[in-house]
Amino acid sequence: MTAQRMRRQVPADAGAHIASGVAIAAARRALSDAFRGAGLDTPELDARVLLAHVLRLDHAGLIAAADRPLREEEAARAEVVAARRLAREPVARIVGHKEFWGLPIRLAPATLVPRPETETVVEAALALIDAEGLRTRLLRIADLGTGSGALLAALLVELPNAFGIGTDVSLPALAMARHNAVRLVLDKRARFVACDFGAALDGGFDLVVSNPPYIASGAIAALAPEVRDHDPSLALDGGPDGLASYRALASDAARLLAPGGHLIVELGAGAAAGVTALFETAGLVPSFPRRDLAGVARVLHIRRAESG
């Protein structure tokens, strides 16, 4: 695509105009200023990541090339990505990937952008496994509603003898999860199944994790545009009260878990009490929720009740 054609795709009021020949450092400042003026939360970070993406440079390379003038095609691409970000498209969607647990996770329209707070699920799972001295054991893991496969990938990287299954109702999401497993050389220990949570699985899992849809249907319209307009509704909508997915998980958890197995679910803000009650009503044993770095009760650990 020529620079002229690319520029025609940028709205006239996009707010970030990058001329060819301007130094890379000056272009980065112009992007930061435009993003700050639009009220974006992290204007400097967004500018750095997007310009590095346009120029195919890492952070160090961007600094080293600060005085180099932009070529015409580079300036055109910078304007295009700036316009997309100013239209509130997430940076991760623009660049096509997001780091999660130190891993580069590729994204698709059918997958959520992995959130830093979801790493709390991984932290909680590993803490339980380490407490029981199981890190090097053969473990069976299920990630229910796997999306991009980020949770499953993080756990398989940390647990070298584990085998995992990721499930999702979305075939495009499963295709991306499988792609990520291949790219991260985890595909020999991962399988992907199309089903609703654990409906197609036999059970006997040592560890089950899930980041289910938990936004109440009526609250989706009030979400930030980056989420509301770009994350798939299947991965957001938790029904009228936001608890529909937890009801499905609670009804099947005892069957899926092996004796001594653990279920770890991510929680929406303020949902801990309601979700705890659902699992208790199903005859399961929830523990106190684990908080994320912002102090939000983010993860609930559930066990099967002891028999007899």
Protein backbone atom coordinates (compact mmCIF):
# COMPACT_ATOMS: atom_id res chain seq x y z
CA MET A 1 0.00 0.00 0.00
CA THR A 2 1.43 3.41 -0.88
CA ALA A 3 1.93 6.18 1.66
CA GLN A 4 -0.65 8.32 -0.15
CA ARG A 5 -3.32 5.61 0.07
CA MET A 6 -2.51 4.96 3.74
CA ARG A 7 -2.87 8.63 4.61
CA ARG A 8 -6.30 8.80 3.02
CA GLN A 9 -7.50 6.27 5.61
CA VAL A 10 -6.61 8.60 8.50
CA PRO A 11 -9.40 10.97 9.60
CA ALA A 12 -8.62 14.63 9.05
CA ASP A 13 -9.11 15.32 12.78
CA ALA A 14 -7.05 12.35 13.97
CA GLY A 15 -4.84 14.71 15.99
CA ALA A 16 -1.42 13.20 15.22
CA HIS A 17 0.24 14.34 11.99
CA ILE A 18 3.71 12.94 11.41
CA ALA A 19 5.72 14.41 8.56
CA SER A 20 8.31 12.38 6.72
CA GLY A 21 11.82 13.51 7.60
CA VAL A 22 11.01 14.29 11.23
CA ALA A 23 13.32 12.63 13.76
CA ILE A 24 12.05 9.48 15.47
CA ALA A 25 12.29 11.16 18.90
CA ALA A 26 10.18 14.08 17.67
CA ALA A 27 7.61 11.71 16.18
CA ARG A 28 7.41 9.89 19.50
CA ARG A 29 6.78 13.18 21.33
CA ALA A 30 4.10 14.13 18.80
CA LEU A 31 2.30 10.83 19.37
CA SER A 32 2.56 11.23 23.15
CA ASP A 33 1.14 14.75 22.97
CA ALA A 34 -1.76 13.64 20.79
CA PHE A 35 -2.58 10.72 23.09
CA ARG A 36 -2.33 12.89 26.20
CA GLY A 37 -4.59 15.48 24.63
CA ALA A 38 -7.16 12.76 23.94
CA GLY A 39 -7.14 11.75 27.61
CA LEU A 40 -5.54 8.32 27.14
CA ASP A 41 -4.21 6.82 30.36
CA THR A 42 -0.65 5.95 29.28
CA PRO A 43 0.27 8.31 26.42
CA GLU A 44 4.06 7.91 26.61
CA LEU A 45 3.91 4.12 26.81
CA ASP A 46 1.39 3.92 23.97
CA ALA A 47 3.55 6.16 21.79
CA ARG A 48 6.68 4.12 22.47
CA VAL A 49 5.05 0.75 21.81
CA LEU A 50 3.25 1.86 18.66
CA LEU A 51 6.24 3.65 17.12
CA ALA A 52 8.47 0.66 17.89
CA HIS A 53 5.87 -1.52 16.15
CA VAL A 54 5.80 0.74 13.09
CA LEU A 55 9.61 0.80 12.85
CA ARG A 56 10.07 -2.86 13.81
CA LEU A 57 12.42 -1.90 16.62
CA ASP A 58 12.65 -2.92 20.26
CA HIS A 59 12.86 -0.35 23.05
CA ALA A 60 16.66 -0.14 22.91
CA GLY A 61 16.59 0.20 19.14
CA LEU A 62 14.06 3.00 19.35
CA ILE A 63 16.33 4.96 21.67
CA ALA A 64 19.44 4.28 19.58
CA ALA A 65 17.68 5.53 16.43
CA ALA A 66 16.18 8.62 18.08
CA ASP A 67 17.83 11.07 15.68
CA ARG A 68 17.12 9.15 12.49
CA PRO A 69 14.56 10.85 10.21
CA LEU A 70 11.39 8.95 9.38
CA ARG A 71 10.95 7.77 5.84
CA GLU A 72 7.72 8.60 4.06
CA GLU A 73 6.26 5.10 4.44
CA GLU A 74 7.16 5.07 8.14
CA ALA A 75 5.50 8.43 8.74
CA ALA A 76 2.38 7.21 6.97
CA ARG A 77 2.22 4.05 9.07
CA ALA A 78 2.72 6.09 12.25
CA GLU A 79 -0.27 8.27 11.34
CA VAL A 80 -2.40 5.19 10.70
CA VAL A 81 -1.66 3.54 14.04
CA ALA A 82 -2.09 6.87 15.83
CA ALA A 83 -5.54 7.29 14.33
CA ARG A 84 -6.49 3.77 15.43
CA ARG A 85 -5.35 4.43 18.99
CA LEU A 86 -7.12 7.78 19.11
CA ALA A 87 -10.27 5.92 18.04
CA ARG A 88 -9.72 3.90 21.28
CA GLU A 89 -8.52 0.68 19.71
CA PRO A 90 -6.28 -1.00 22.30
CA VAL A 91 -2.55 -0.96 21.68
CA ALA A 92 -2.42 -4.75 21.97
CA ARG A 93 -4.97 -5.12 19.18
CA ILE A 94 -3.00 -2.76 16.95
CA VAL A 95 0.29 -4.58 17.42
CA GLY A 96 -1.40 -8.00 17.48
CA HIS A 97 -0.02 -9.37 20.72
CA LYS A 98 0.12 -8.85 24.49
CA GLU A 99 2.68 -9.97 27.03
CA PHE A 100 1.26 -12.26 29.72
CA TRP A 101 3.42 -13.91 32.39
CA GLY A 102 6.42 -12.87 30.27
CA LEU A 103 5.06 -14.68 27.20
CA PRO A 104 4.13 -12.99 23.89
CA ILE A 105 0.49 -13.99 23.39
CA ARG A 106 -0.92 -13.44 19.91
CA LEU A 107 -4.47 -12.07 19.70
CA ALA A 108 -7.47 -12.42 17.41
CA PRO A 109 -10.82 -10.58 17.33
CA ALA A 110 -12.36 -13.62 19.07
CA THR A 111 -10.01 -13.42 22.08
CA LEU A 112 -9.81 -11.13 25.07
CA VAL A 113 -6.71 -9.04 25.56
CA PRO A 114 -5.05 -10.74 28.57
CA ARG A 115 -5.10 -8.46 31.62
CA PRO A 116 -2.29 -8.13 34.17
CA GLU A 117 -4.74 -8.95 36.97
CA THR A 118 -5.38 -12.37 35.42
CA GLU A 119 -1.79 -13.28 36.30
CA THR A 120 -3.17 -13.56 39.86
CA VAL A 121 -4.78 -16.84 38.73
CA VAL A 122 -1.34 -18.19 37.77
CA GLU A 123 0.18 -16.96 41.04
CA ALA A 124 -2.54 -18.65 43.09
CA ALA A 125 -2.24 -21.93 41.17
CA LEU A 126 1.52 -22.11 41.53
CA ALA A 127 1.35 -21.24 45.23
CA LEU A 128 -1.00 -24.18 45.84
CA ILE A 129 1.09 -26.56 43.76
CA ASP A 130 4.31 -25.50 45.49
CA ALA A 131 2.71 -25.84 48.91
CA GLU A 132 1.99 -29.48 48.07
CA GLY A 133 5.38 -30.08 46.43
CA LEU A 134 3.82 -30.94 43.06
CA ARG A 135 5.68 -28.69 40.62
CA THR A 136 7.61 -31.57 39.02
CA ARG A 137 4.75 -34.09 39.15
CA LEU A 138 2.67 -35.25 36.20
CA LEU A 139 -0.36 -33.01 36.44
CA ARG A 140 -3.55 -32.72 34.41
CA ILE A 141 -4.73 -29.14 33.88
CA ALA A 142 -7.91 -27.76 32.30
CA ASP A 143 -8.38 -24.13 31.28
CA LEU A 144 -12.10 -23.56 30.79
CA GLY A 145 -12.90 -20.72 28.38
CA THR A 146 -9.27 -20.54 27.30
CA GLY A 147 -9.57 -17.69 24.77
CA SER A 148 -6.05 -16.91 23.57
CA GLY A 149 -4.67 -19.76 25.71
CA ALA A 150 -2.71 -17.35 27.91
CA LEU A 151 -3.50 -19.00 31.25
CA LEU A 152 -2.81 -22.50 29.97
CA ALA A 153 0.45 -21.41 28.33
CA ALA A 154 1.71 -19.74 31.51
CA LEU A 155 0.96 -22.83 33.60
CA LEU A 156 2.55 -25.24 31.13
CA VAL A 157 5.71 -23.12 31.01
CA GLU A 158 5.95 -23.25 34.81
CA LEU A 159 4.99 -26.92 35.14
CA PRO A 160 7.24 -28.86 32.75
CA ASN A 161 5.60 -32.25 33.33
CA ALA A 162 2.01 -31.05 33.12
CA PHE A 163 -0.46 -31.74 30.32
CA GLY A 164 -3.27 -29.27 29.64
CA ILE A 165 -6.58 -29.02 27.83
CA GLY A 166 -8.10 -25.69 26.86
CA THR A 167 -11.79 -25.41 26.05
CA ASP A 168 -13.84 -22.68 24.42
CA VAL A 169 -17.14 -22.33 22.59
CA SER A 170 -15.44 -20.10 20.01
CA LEU A 171 -13.66 -21.97 17.21
CA PRO A 172 -11.64 -18.88 16.17
CA ALA A 173 -10.48 -18.45 19.77
CA LEU A 174 -9.41 -22.10 19.92
CA ALA A 175 -7.50 -21.67 16.67
CA MET A 176 -5.55 -18.76 18.19
CA ALA A 177 -4.94 -20.67 21.43
CA ARG A 178 -3.54 -23.56 19.41
CA HIS A 179 -1.40 -21.14 17.40
CA ASN A 180 0.03 -19.68 20.60
CA ALA A 181 0.81 -23.15 21.94
CA VAL A 182 2.71 -23.98 18.75
CA ARG A 183 4.65 -20.70 18.78
CA LEU A 184 5.63 -21.27 22.43
CA VAL A 185 6.59 -24.92 21.75
CA LEU A 186 3.93 -26.18 24.14
CA ASP A 187 1.74 -27.97 21.60
CA LYS A 188 2.97 -31.46 22.52
CA ARG A 189 1.55 -30.92 26.02
CA ALA A 190 -1.63 -29.06 25.08
CA ARG A 191 -4.90 -30.00 23.43
CA PHE A 192 -7.90 -27.82 22.61
CA VAL A 193 -11.56 -28.85 22.67
CA ALA A 194 -14.65 -26.98 21.48
CA CYS A 195 -17.25 -27.10 24.26
CA ASP A 196 -18.95 -24.99 26.91
CA PHE A 197 -16.53 -24.91 29.87
CA GLY A 198 -15.92 -28.58 30.81
CA ALA A 199 -18.94 -30.18 29.16
CA ALA A 200 -16.90 -32.42 26.82
CA LEU A 201 -14.21 -33.37 29.35
CA ASP A 202 -14.06 -36.61 31.35
CA GLY A 203 -12.76 -35.15 34.58
CA GLY A 204 -9.93 -36.21 36.85
CA PHE A 205 -8.04 -32.90 36.68
CA ASP A 206 -5.52 -31.91 39.30
CA LEU A 207 -5.96 -28.23 38.46
CA VAL A 208 -8.82 -26.42 36.74
CA VAL A 209 -8.57 -22.69 36.02
CA SER A 210 -11.00 -20.29 34.42
CA ASN A 211 -11.35 -16.60 33.65
CA PRO A 212 -15.05 -16.70 32.75
CA PRO A 213 -17.29 -13.92 31.42
CA TYR A 214 -18.34 -11.94 34.50
CA ILE A 215 -19.66 -8.57 33.39
CA ALA A 216 -23.40 -8.13 33.99
CA SER A 217 -25.14 -7.73 30.64
CA GLY A 218 -26.50 -4.30 31.51
CA ALA A 219 -23.06 -3.00 32.52
CA ILE A 220 -21.28 -3.72 29.24
CA ALA A 221 -22.37 -0.46 27.61
CA ALA A 222 -20.59 1.51 30.35
CA LEU A 223 -17.22 -0.20 29.89
CA ALA A 224 -14.24 1.64 28.44
CA PRO A 225 -14.35 1.73 24.61
CA GLU A 226 -11.18 -0.37 24.46
CA VAL A 227 -13.11 -3.21 26.11
CA ARG A 228 -16.70 -2.58 25.03
CA ASP A 229 -15.94 -2.09 21.35
CA HIS A 230 -13.03 -4.49 20.86
CA ASP A 231 -13.27 -7.45 23.24
CA PRO A 232 -15.65 -10.24 22.13
CA SER A 233 -19.03 -10.11 23.85
CA LEU A 234 -18.92 -13.89 24.38
CA ALA A 235 -15.94 -13.37 26.68
CA LEU A 236 -17.51 -10.45 28.58
CA ASP A 237 -21.21 -11.11 29.09
CA GLY A 238 -21.88 -12.96 32.35
CA GLY A 239 -25.66 -12.73 32.12
CA PRO A 240 -28.06 -10.41 33.95
CA ASP A 241 -26.19 -10.59 37.27
CA GLY A 242 -22.74 -11.47 35.95
CA LEU A 243 -22.83 -14.90 37.63
CA ALA A 244 -24.12 -17.17 34.86
CA SER A 245 -20.70 -18.66 34.09
CA TYR A 246 -19.98 -19.32 37.76
CA ARG A 247 -23.24 -21.25 38.07
CA ALA A 248 -22.15 -23.47 35.17
CA LEU A 249 -18.73 -23.98 36.72
CA ALA A 250 -20.15 -24.74 40.17
CA SER A 251 -22.55 -27.36 38.80
CA ASP A 252 -19.72 -29.32 37.13
CA ALA A 253 -16.70 -28.68 39.33
CA ALA A 254 -16.94 -31.79 41.53
CA ARG A 255 -17.07 -34.03 38.44
CA LEU A 256 -14.08 -32.33 36.80
CA LEU A 257 -11.75 -32.33 39.80
CA ALA A 258 -9.65 -35.31 40.82
CA PRO A 259 -9.52 -36.07 44.57
CA GLY A 260 -7.37 -33.35 46.07
CA GLY A 261 -7.71 -31.24 42.93
CA HIS A 262 -8.04 -27.46 42.84
CA LEU A 263 -10.33 -25.10 40.93
CA ILE A 264 -9.21 -21.47 40.61
CA VAL A 265 -11.50 -18.87 39.07
CA GLU A 266 -11.00 -15.20 38.35
CA LEU A 267 -13.52 -12.84 39.93
CA GLY A 268 -15.00 -9.58 38.80
CA ALA A 269 -14.67 -6.67 41.21
CA GLY A 270 -17.18 -7.06 44.03
CA ALA A 271 -18.21 -10.59 43.04
CA ALA A 272 -16.39 -12.57 45.74
CA ALA A 273 -19.33 -13.03 48.14
CA GLY A 274 -21.83 -14.02 45.45
CA VAL A 275 -19.48 -16.48 43.76
CA THR A 276 -18.44 -18.00 47.10
CA ALA A 277 -22.09 -18.62 47.95
CA LEU A 278 -22.69 -20.36 44.61
CA PHE A 279 -19.88 -22.85 45.15
CA GLU A 280 -20.86 -23.47 48.77
CA THR A 281 -24.43 -24.20 47.67
CA ALA A 282 -23.01 -26.73 45.16
CA GLY A 283 -21.31 -28.60 48.02
CA LEU A 284 -17.82 -27.32 47.31
CA VAL A 285 -15.31 -25.65 49.61
CA PRO A 286 -14.18 -22.13 48.59
CA SER A 287 -11.30 -20.49 50.42
CA PHE A 288 -10.71 -16.82 51.09
CA PRO A 289 -10.19 -14.88 47.86
CA ARG A 290 -6.72 -13.80 46.75
CA ARG A 291 -6.27 -10.12 45.98
CA ASP A 292 -4.52 -8.62 42.97
CA LEU A 293 -1.95 -5.81 43.11
CA ALA A 294 -4.75 -3.23 43.23
CA GLY A 295 -6.21 -4.86 46.33
CA VAL A 296 -9.27 -6.28 44.51
CA ALA A 297 -10.47 -9.76 45.51
CA ARG A 298 -9.53 -11.30 42.16
CA VAL A 299 -9.24 -15.08 42.57
CA LEU A 300 -11.24 -17.74 44.38
CA HIS A 301 -9.80 -21.16 45.20
CA ILE A 302 -12.30 -24.04 45.38
CA ARG A 303 -11.86 -27.65 46.48
CA ARG A 304 -14.08 -30.69 46.50
CA ALA A 305 -15.62 -31.44 49.88
CA GLU A 306 -13.93 -34.27 51.76
CA SER A 307 -16.01 -37.43 51.51
CA GLY A 308 -17.22 -39.42 54.41
